[in-house]
Amino acid sequence: MRLPLRSKARLLWRMLRDPDVPGSAKAVLPLVALYLAMPFDLVPDRIPVLGEVDDLLVIALGFGMFVLLTPRHVVERHLAACE
């Protein structure tokens, strides 16, 4: 998906509110938020650069998983509306 960051955020918000998106896909986002809120990380934040990169990686993988678990026609419908 080659969209500006603002359009990607709009796409994710639209898909999150869509009843056609399965609950398993919607469950990924709270898990990402829970990981970010936890006091422990895979790589501790006190390690320069790597401590923040693991958080960004979890966010990117979580959003990617959210899109992958959503049926393709639903993603395409919302993608067309965001362009």
Protein backbone atom coordinates (compact mmCIF):
# COMPACT_ATOMS: atom_id res chain seq x y z
CA MET A 1 0.00 0.00 0.00
CA ARG A 2 1.62 3.22 -1.11
CA LEU A 3 -0.51 5.76 0.71
CA PRO A 4 0.48 8.79 2.73
CA LEU A 5 0.48 8.18 6.49
CA ARG A 6 -2.73 10.19 6.95
CA SER A 7 -4.54 8.07 4.34
CA LYS A 8 -3.29 4.86 5.98
CA ALA A 9 -4.65 6.04 9.32
CA ARG A 10 -7.98 6.88 7.69
CA LEU A 11 -8.06 3.44 6.03
CA LEU A 12 -7.43 1.66 9.33
CA TRP A 13 -10.08 3.76 11.11
CA ARG A 14 -12.68 3.05 8.41
CA MET A 15 -11.91 -0.66 8.48
CA LEU A 16 -12.05 -0.79 12.28
CA ARG A 17 -15.60 0.60 12.23
CA ASP A 18 -16.77 -1.71 9.40
CA PRO A 19 -18.95 -4.66 10.52
CA ASP A 20 -17.64 -6.70 7.55
CA VAL A 21 -14.17 -6.84 9.11
CA PRO A 22 -13.91 -10.04 11.19
CA GLY A 23 -13.46 -9.84 14.94
CA SER A 24 -10.19 -11.74 14.72
CA ALA A 25 -8.73 -8.91 12.65
CA LYS A 26 -10.10 -6.27 15.00
CA ALA A 27 -8.62 -8.12 17.99
CA VAL A 28 -5.09 -7.54 16.69
CA LEU A 29 -5.16 -3.78 17.34
CA PRO A 30 -5.95 -3.99 21.07
CA LEU A 31 -3.19 -6.60 21.41
CA VAL A 32 -0.74 -4.15 19.83
CA ALA A 33 -1.89 -1.42 22.21
CA LEU A 34 -1.57 -3.82 25.14
CA TYR A 35 1.99 -4.72 24.14
CA LEU A 36 2.92 -1.04 23.93
CA ALA A 37 1.39 -0.37 27.36
CA MET A 38 3.19 -3.26 29.05
CA PRO A 39 6.19 -2.34 31.21
CA PHE A 40 8.40 -4.92 29.49
CA ASP A 41 9.57 -5.11 25.87
CA LEU A 42 11.33 -7.63 23.68
CA VAL A 43 14.21 -5.16 23.52
CA PRO A 44 14.44 -2.83 26.56
CA ASP A 45 13.91 0.87 25.82
CA ARG A 46 17.14 1.76 27.58
CA ILE A 47 19.08 0.30 24.64
CA PRO A 48 19.48 3.28 22.28
CA VAL A 49 17.60 3.09 18.97
CA LEU A 50 16.81 -0.64 19.19
CA GLY A 51 14.48 -0.07 22.13
CA GLU A 52 12.24 2.17 20.04
CA VAL A 53 12.60 0.18 16.82
CA ASP A 54 11.01 -2.92 18.34
CA ASP A 55 7.93 -0.86 19.27
CA LEU A 56 7.68 0.49 15.72
CA LEU A 57 8.08 -3.03 14.37
CA VAL A 58 5.24 -4.32 16.55
CA ILE A 59 3.01 -1.46 15.36
CA ALA A 60 3.82 -2.11 11.70
CA LEU A 61 3.35 -5.88 12.02
CA GLY A 62 0.09 -5.41 13.94
CA PHE A 63 -1.37 -3.09 11.32
CA GLY A 64 -0.17 -5.40 8.55
CA MET A 65 -1.79 -8.39 10.28
CA PHE A 66 -5.01 -6.40 10.67
CA VAL A 67 -5.12 -5.79 6.91
CA LEU A 68 -4.13 -9.38 6.05
CA LEU A 69 -6.87 -10.86 8.23
CA THR A 70 -9.49 -8.65 6.56
CA PRO A 71 -11.16 -10.02 3.42
CA ARG A 72 -9.57 -8.56 0.28
CA HIS A 73 -12.80 -7.08 -1.11
CA VAL A 74 -13.37 -5.14 2.12
CA VAL A 75 -9.83 -3.72 2.04
CA GLU A 76 -10.20 -2.76 -1.63
CA ARG A 77 -13.54 -1.05 -0.97
CA HIS A 78 -12.05 1.08 1.81
CA LEU A 79 -8.86 1.68 -0.15
CA ALA A 80 -10.85 3.06 -3.07
CA ALA A 81 -12.71 5.39 -0.69
CA CYS A 82 -9.43 6.69 0.79
CA GLU A 83 -7.72 7.51 -2.50
